[in-house]
Protein backbone atom coordinates (compact mmCIF):
# COMPACT_ATOMS: atom_id res chain seq x y z
CA MET A 1 0.00 0.00 0.00
CA ARG A 2 1.19 3.53 -0.79
CA ILE A 3 -0.16 6.51 1.16
CA VAL A 4 0.44 10.18 0.33
CA VAL A 5 0.22 12.88 2.99
CA SER A 6 0.13 16.40 1.53
CA ALA A 7 1.23 19.28 3.76
CA VAL A 8 3.38 21.53 1.58
CA ASN A 9 2.28 24.70 3.37
CA PHE A 10 3.26 23.61 6.90
CA SER A 11 6.58 24.99 8.09
CA GLU A 12 6.17 26.09 11.73
CA GLY A 13 4.01 26.18 14.83
CA GLY A 14 0.88 24.14 15.39
CA PRO A 15 0.40 23.04 11.75
CA LEU A 16 3.91 21.59 11.62
CA THR A 17 3.21 19.72 14.87
CA VAL A 18 0.05 18.27 13.29
CA LEU A 19 2.09 17.03 10.31
CA ARG A 20 4.79 15.48 12.49
CA ASP A 21 2.22 13.75 14.71
CA CYS A 22 0.35 12.51 11.65
CA LEU A 23 3.45 10.94 10.09
CA ALA A 24 4.75 9.48 13.35
CA ALA A 25 1.39 7.81 14.06
CA ALA A 26 1.15 6.48 10.50
CA ARG A 27 4.62 4.96 10.64
CA ALA A 28 4.03 3.49 14.08
CA SER A 29 0.60 2.00 13.45
CA LEU A 30 0.46 0.98 9.78
CA PRO A 31 2.01 -2.25 8.44
CA PRO A 32 5.77 -1.92 7.84
CA GLU A 33 5.34 -2.61 4.13
CA THR A 34 3.17 0.49 3.76
CA GLU A 35 5.02 3.19 1.83
CA ILE A 36 4.32 6.65 3.25
CA VAL A 37 5.08 9.57 0.95
CA ALA A 38 4.97 13.04 2.54
CA LEU A 39 4.74 16.18 0.42
CA VAL A 40 6.41 18.82 2.56
CA HIS A 41 7.80 22.34 2.50
CA ARG A 42 11.27 21.18 3.51
CA ALA A 43 12.48 17.65 4.25
CA ALA A 44 14.61 18.87 7.17
CA LEU A 45 11.41 19.65 9.09
CA ILE A 46 10.51 15.95 9.36
CA GLU A 47 12.38 13.65 11.74
CA THR A 48 10.31 10.45 11.54
CA PRO A 49 12.33 7.67 9.86
CA GLY A 50 10.83 5.48 7.18
CA ILE A 51 9.02 8.32 5.38
CA ARG A 52 9.67 9.20 1.73
CA LEU A 53 9.86 12.99 1.57
CA LEU A 54 9.16 15.13 -1.50
CA GLU A 55 10.02 18.81 -1.08
CA PHE A 56 8.11 21.82 -2.42
CA PRO A 57 10.16 24.74 -1.04
CA THR A 58 8.75 27.46 -3.33
CA VAL A 59 5.04 26.74 -2.97
CA LYS A 60 4.60 29.33 -0.20
CA SER A 61 5.84 32.13 -2.43
CA SER A 62 2.29 32.97 -3.53
CA TRP A 63 -1.29 31.75 -3.41
CA LEU A 64 -1.22 31.27 -7.19
CA SER A 65 1.68 28.87 -6.80
CA ARG A 66 -0.19 26.94 -4.12
CA ILE A 67 -3.42 26.77 -6.14
CA ASN A 68 -1.61 25.64 -9.25
CA LEU A 69 0.09 22.87 -7.31
CA GLU A 70 -3.08 21.73 -5.54
CA TYR A 71 -5.39 21.68 -8.54
CA ARG A 72 -2.99 20.86 -11.37
CA GLY A 73 0.34 19.63 -10.08
CA PHE A 74 -1.03 17.10 -7.61
CA GLY A 75 -3.21 15.47 -10.26
CA LYS A 76 -0.09 14.80 -12.34
CA LEU A 77 1.85 13.65 -9.26
CA ALA A 78 -0.95 11.26 -8.31
CA ARG A 79 -0.73 9.64 -11.74
CA GLU A 80 3.02 9.18 -11.26
CA LEU A 81 2.82 7.81 -7.71
CA SER A 82 -0.41 5.76 -8.09
CA PRO A 83 -1.21 5.96 -4.36
CA ASP A 84 -3.89 3.88 -2.68
CA PHE A 85 -4.85 6.76 -0.40
CA TRP A 86 -4.17 10.51 -0.31
CA LEU A 87 -4.62 12.67 2.78
CA SER A 88 -4.60 16.45 2.30
CA LEU A 89 -3.69 17.97 5.66
CA HIS A 90 -4.38 21.60 4.83
CA ASP A 91 -8.00 22.20 3.91
CA VAL A 92 -7.88 21.84 0.10
CA SER A 93 -9.30 18.88 -1.85
CA PRO A 94 -7.15 18.36 -4.98
CA ARG A 95 -8.54 16.73 -8.11
CA LEU A 96 -7.13 13.19 -8.11
CA SER A 97 -8.61 10.86 -10.68
CA GLY A 98 -9.38 7.44 -9.26
CA VAL A 99 -7.60 7.95 -5.91
CA ARG A 100 -9.32 7.52 -2.54
CA GLN A 101 -8.73 10.71 -0.64
CA ALA A 102 -9.57 12.62 2.54
CA VAL A 103 -9.05 16.19 3.68
CA TYR A 104 -8.23 17.56 7.12
CA CYS A 105 -9.88 20.97 7.63
CA HIS A 106 -8.48 22.98 10.51
CA ASN A 107 -9.19 26.64 9.80
CA PRO A 108 -12.31 28.09 11.47
CA ILE A 109 -12.19 31.49 9.74
CA PRO A 110 -14.90 30.72 7.11
CA PHE A 111 -17.37 30.30 9.98
CA PHE A 112 -16.36 33.46 11.84
CA ARG A 113 -18.43 36.64 11.59
CA PRO A 114 -16.02 39.59 11.74
CA THR A 115 -17.02 42.97 13.09
CA LEU A 116 -16.37 46.30 11.43
CA ARG A 117 -13.37 46.76 13.74
CA ASP A 118 -12.01 43.38 12.64
CA ALA A 119 -12.19 44.52 9.03
CA GLN A 120 -10.47 47.80 9.83
CA LEU A 121 -7.65 46.30 11.87
CA ASP A 122 -7.14 43.16 9.79
CA PRO A 123 -8.34 43.97 6.24
CA THR A 124 -7.10 40.65 4.86
CA LEU A 125 -9.49 38.79 7.16
CA LEU A 126 -12.57 39.31 4.99
CA ALA A 127 -10.79 38.24 1.81
CA PHE A 128 -9.28 35.26 3.60
CA ARG A 129 -12.70 34.26 4.97
CA LEU A 130 -14.33 34.33 1.53
CA ALA A 131 -11.43 32.58 -0.17
CA TYR A 132 -11.38 29.80 2.39
CA ARG A 133 -15.07 29.11 1.91
CA PHE A 134 -14.35 28.48 -1.76
CA PHE A 135 -11.30 26.30 -1.06
CA TYR A 136 -13.23 24.24 1.48
CA GLN A 137 -16.18 23.70 -0.86
CA PHE A 138 -14.37 23.07 -4.14
CA ASN A 139 -14.18 19.33 -4.86
CA ILE A 140 -14.99 18.48 -1.23
CA HIS A 141 -17.38 15.69 -2.23
CA SER A 142 -14.52 13.75 -3.81
CA ASN A 143 -13.34 12.83 -0.32
CA ALA A 144 -14.13 9.56 1.39
CA ALA A 145 -14.02 11.56 4.63
CA VAL A 146 -13.58 15.10 5.88
CA VAL A 147 -11.68 15.45 9.17
CA VAL A 148 -12.26 18.26 11.67
CA GLN A 149 -11.21 18.71 15.28
CA GLN A 150 -14.57 19.52 16.89
CA GLU A 151 -18.26 18.73 16.74
CA TRP A 152 -19.29 22.32 15.98
CA LEU A 153 -17.09 22.26 12.87
CA ARG A 154 -18.65 18.97 11.79
CA GLN A 155 -22.08 20.55 12.03
CA GLU A 156 -20.93 23.52 9.92
CA PHE A 157 -19.53 21.28 7.17
CA VAL A 158 -22.70 19.22 7.07
CA ARG A 159 -24.92 22.31 7.03
CA ARG A 160 -22.95 24.45 4.58
CA PHE A 161 -21.46 21.90 2.21
CA GLY A 162 -23.71 18.85 2.57
CA VAL A 163 -20.81 16.56 3.46
CA GLN A 164 -21.98 13.13 4.55
CA ARG A 165 -18.96 11.65 6.36
CA VAL A 166 -17.19 14.03 8.74
CA ILE A 167 -14.87 12.54 11.36
CA VAL A 168 -14.23 14.53 14.52
CA ALA A 169 -10.62 13.88 15.53
CA HIS A 170 -9.29 15.37 18.72
CA PRO A 171 -5.59 16.27 18.36
CA ASP A 172 -2.75 14.48 20.06
CA ILE A 173 -1.36 16.81 22.74
CA VAL A 174 2.35 16.83 23.54
CA ASP A 175 2.99 17.62 27.20
CA LEU A 176 4.97 20.73 28.04
CA PRO A 177 7.85 20.36 30.50
CA ILE A 178 6.54 21.15 33.98
CA SER A 179 8.92 23.04 36.24
CA GLN A 180 8.42 22.88 39.98
CA ASP A 181 10.79 25.75 40.80
CA VAL A 182 8.93 28.81 39.53
CA PRO A 183 8.74 31.67 42.05
CA ARG A 184 5.24 33.01 42.70
CA ASP A 185 4.43 36.28 44.44
CA PRO A 186 1.41 35.84 46.78
CA GLY A 187 0.61 39.53 46.38
CA ILE A 188 0.10 39.20 42.61
CA LEU A 189 -2.74 37.47 40.77
CA SER A 190 -0.82 36.26 37.72
CA LEU A 191 -2.96 35.91 34.58
CA PHE A 192 -1.71 34.53 31.25
CA TYR A 193 -3.02 34.83 27.70
CA PRO A 194 -0.81 33.05 25.12
CA THR A 195 -1.97 34.25 21.73
CA VAL A 196 -1.11 35.66 18.34
CA PRO A 197 -2.16 39.12 17.10
CA ARG A 198 -5.30 38.37 15.10
CA GLY A 199 -8.54 40.29 15.57
CA PHE A 200 -10.62 37.29 16.55
CA LYS A 201 -8.24 36.60 19.45
CA ASN A 202 -10.05 39.42 21.27
CA ILE A 203 -7.07 40.81 23.19
CA GLU A 204 -8.77 44.17 23.66
CA LEU A 205 -11.51 42.56 25.78
CA LEU A 206 -8.96 41.59 28.42
CA CYS A 207 -7.27 44.96 28.25
CA GLU A 208 -10.62 46.68 28.82
CA ALA A 209 -11.31 44.37 31.75
CA MET A 210 -7.93 45.20 33.29
CA GLN A 211 -8.46 48.91 32.67
CA ASN A 212 -11.63 48.87 34.73
CA LEU A 213 -10.35 47.04 37.81
CA PRO A 214 -10.83 48.67 41.22
CA ALA A 215 -7.66 49.90 42.92
CA ASP A 216 -8.24 48.31 46.34
CA LEU A 217 -7.83 44.61 45.53
CA PRO A 218 -5.93 42.42 48.06
CA ARG A 219 -3.94 40.85 45.20
CA ARG A 220 -2.72 42.92 42.26
CA PRO A 221 -3.78 41.38 38.90
CA GLU A 222 -1.03 41.12 36.31
CA LEU A 223 -1.83 39.98 32.76
CA CYS A 224 0.90 38.70 30.41
CA VAL A 225 -0.01 38.67 26.69
CA THR A 226 2.32 37.11 24.11
CA ILE A 227 2.49 39.94 21.57
CA ASP A 228 4.91 42.88 21.40
CA GLY A 229 3.16 45.31 19.03
CA THR A 230 5.48 44.91 16.04
CA GLU A 231 3.70 42.02 14.36
CA ASN A 232 0.88 43.69 12.38
CA ARG A 233 -1.74 46.45 12.40
CA TYR A 234 -3.87 44.77 15.06
CA ALA A 235 -0.87 44.38 17.37
CA ARG A 236 0.06 48.03 16.92
CA PHE A 237 -3.51 49.06 17.75
CA ILE A 238 -3.43 47.02 20.96
CA LEU A 239 -0.09 48.44 22.08
CA ASP A 240 -0.97 52.03 21.18
CA ARG A 241 -4.25 51.86 23.07
CA TYR A 242 -3.40 49.72 26.09
CA ARG A 243 0.33 49.90 26.73
CA ASP A 244 -0.23 52.09 29.83
CA VAL A 245 -2.99 50.02 31.42
CA PRO A 246 -1.78 49.05 34.93
CA GLY A 247 -0.93 45.36 35.21
CA VAL A 248 -0.91 44.57 31.48
CA ARG A 249 2.42 43.27 30.13
CA PHE A 250 3.09 42.56 26.46
CA ILE A 251 5.87 39.98 26.51
CA GLY A 252 6.11 38.90 22.86
CA ARG A 253 6.34 35.43 21.40
CA GLN A 254 7.61 32.81 23.86
CA SER A 255 9.66 29.66 23.39
CA ARG A 256 8.31 26.29 24.46
CA ALA A 257 10.31 26.44 27.69
CA GLU A 258 9.17 30.00 28.39
CA MET A 259 5.55 29.00 27.83
CA ALA A 260 5.92 26.24 30.40
CA TRP A 261 7.41 28.75 32.87
CA HIS A 262 4.46 31.11 32.46
CA TYR A 263 1.91 28.30 32.88
CA ALA A 264 3.68 27.19 36.06
CA ARG A 265 3.79 30.76 37.38
CA CYS A 266 0.25 31.90 36.54
CA ASP A 267 -2.81 31.66 38.76
CA ALA A 268 -5.20 31.33 35.81
CA LEU A 269 -5.36 31.14 32.03
CA LEU A 270 -7.53 33.74 30.30
CA PHE A 271 -8.72 32.76 26.82
CA PRO A 272 -11.30 35.15 25.26
CA SER A 273 -10.81 34.11 21.61
CA ARG A 274 -14.03 34.30 19.60
CA VAL A 275 -13.30 31.35 17.33
CA GLU A 276 -10.87 28.41 17.36
CA THR A 277 -10.41 25.04 15.76
CA TRP A 278 -9.24 23.72 19.12
CA GLY A 279 -7.58 26.27 21.42
CA LEU A 280 -4.35 24.57 22.47
CA PRO A 281 -3.61 26.87 25.47
CA ILE A 282 -6.75 25.52 27.15
CA THR A 283 -5.36 21.99 27.01
CA GLU A 284 -1.92 23.16 28.07
CA ALA A 285 -3.33 24.99 31.09
CA LYS A 286 -5.07 21.79 32.14
CA GLN A 287 -1.70 20.01 32.15
CA PHE A 288 -0.61 22.50 34.83
CA ASN A 289 -3.93 22.28 36.73
CA ARG A 290 -4.54 25.99 36.26
CA PRO A 291 -8.03 27.55 36.49
CA ILE A 292 -9.38 28.72 33.15
CA LEU A 293 -11.53 31.70 32.18
CA VAL A 294 -12.62 31.07 28.61
CA ALA A 295 -14.99 32.60 26.07
CA ASP A 296 -18.41 30.99 25.98
CA GLU A 297 -18.08 29.99 22.32
CA PRO A 298 -18.79 26.66 20.56
CA TYR A 299 -15.17 25.47 20.56
CA ALA A 300 -14.54 26.04 24.25
CA ARG A 301 -16.65 23.40 25.97
CA GLU A 302 -15.35 20.53 23.85
CA THR A 303 -11.73 21.60 24.36
CA VAL A 304 -12.19 22.00 28.10
CA GLY A 305 -13.96 18.64 28.30
CA THR A 306 -14.16 17.51 31.89
CA TYR A 307 -12.38 19.85 34.30
CA ASP A 308 -12.81 21.11 37.83
CA ALA A 309 -11.88 24.80 37.50
CA VAL A 310 -13.37 26.67 34.56
CA ALA A 311 -15.68 29.61 33.90
CA PHE A 312 -17.31 30.36 30.55
CA LEU A 313 -17.73 34.10 29.98
CA PRO A 314 -19.31 36.18 27.19
CA SER A 315 -16.76 37.05 24.52
CA ASP A 316 -18.21 40.55 24.05
CA GLN A 317 -18.60 41.74 27.65
CA PRO A 318 -15.33 42.90 29.25
CA LEU A 319 -17.08 43.79 32.50
CA CYS A 320 -17.95 40.12 33.05
CA TRP A 321 -14.25 39.30 32.76
CA ARG A 322 -13.42 42.18 35.08
CA ASP A 323 -15.83 40.85 37.67
CA ALA A 324 -14.31 37.36 37.44
CA ILE A 325 -10.80 38.78 37.87
CA VAL A 326 -11.97 40.80 40.89
CA LYS A 327 -13.43 37.67 42.52
CA ALA A 328 -10.21 35.76 41.94
CA ALA A 329 -8.16 38.61 43.42
CA ARG A 330 -10.38 38.56 46.49
CA GLY A 331 -10.04 34.80 46.92
CA GLN A 332 -13.57 34.05 45.70
CA ALA A 333 -13.02 31.53 42.89
CA PRO A 334 -15.24 32.42 39.89
CA TRP A 335 -14.72 28.97 38.34
CA GLY A 336 -16.14 25.53 38.99
CA PRO A 337 -16.37 22.00 37.57
CA VAL A 338 -17.73 21.10 34.14
CA SER A 339 -18.19 17.85 32.25
CA THR A 340 -18.59 17.66 28.46
CA PRO A 341 -19.16 14.27 26.79
CA PRO A 342 -17.07 13.25 23.77
CA PRO A 343 -18.53 13.70 20.27
CA ALA A 344 -20.76 11.11 18.67
CA PRO A 345 -19.25 8.72 16.08
CA PRO A 346 -17.46 8.92 13.78
CA TYR A 347 -14.94 10.13 16.35
CA ALA A 348 -11.20 9.53 16.65
CA GLU A 349 -9.13 10.01 19.80
CA GLY A 350 -5.78 10.89 18.29
CA TRP A 351 -3.92 10.06 15.10
CA ILE A 352 -3.55 6.30 15.45
CA ASP A 353 -7.30 5.90 15.81
CA LEU A 354 -7.88 8.35 12.95
CA TRP A 355 -5.60 6.48 10.54
CA GLN A 356 -7.55 3.28 11.13
CA GLN A 357 -10.85 5.02 10.44
CA LEU A 358 -9.55 6.77 7.31
CA LEU A 359 -8.18 3.65 5.69
CA ASN A 360 -11.39 1.78 6.46
CA ALA A 361 -13.66 4.60 5.26
């Protein structure tokens, strides 16, 4: 059997981790005679042995290059390789004559409703949202299965595109190193929001909440946000408007070790994002047993799952977040237990389970 995994656009961050996990699980769980061919940005990014790597280092130079490869080049490559199965890891369903295929869709932007401010601060968002709807829909019914990470996304694909077989596959989570020697100041309520500067991440909501805190709290709230203001227009807006808010620190992008340090140091994770495919910081905070204040949006409850210290708050009401922070600073925990059942079948718990379902689809 020959399997092709296409991920030519993945070169860093979470998407690259998805690719590495996908290939490692395939090599570990499929019969040794199975040939696994990975179409990647650069071969040096992949460390799993026993994988045949084909590089496409220039495909990220433009969208036209990517589209030409997906809808023309891959058809020709499929005829040359004659695979038994083709998995597209990044949202697009190429035209592959006579090849069983599946697509992994992990971008929630087509289902996000931006505000006027979103459009002003991130003008590419609207174009990106419309373009992704087209890329999702084009040729999607050629797939034996569509893979998403959450139930709410499955419902959107069924409703919008009429897809019949959508597998919900929860991601494999790699544990962060947990340090036991992180100093914590009892006079500070340490809050952490690991994020990137995109409008839907809703950073301004937390800044507004911090701006409206009373001055007489027994513990001083301190919020660390992982942007530095140089990244894009949205980041500059946040820094220009909120850089002088007491207790708000913009610390920039953090390494894996630095992230672990902040999780170990913080008293709670704040996560007000308005849309996510998964929301990895929620899962990471659970590894450190940290309380979580999270936006009451469709993604959040499934990602939180079963946990004993969580509060779901409106993603458009900063005063609700302020009130929760005030309670925490006064020792009155605003969070409590929650239990969310797993999705209905077809459902995969990690990559090994998903590979078995895909090849039997």
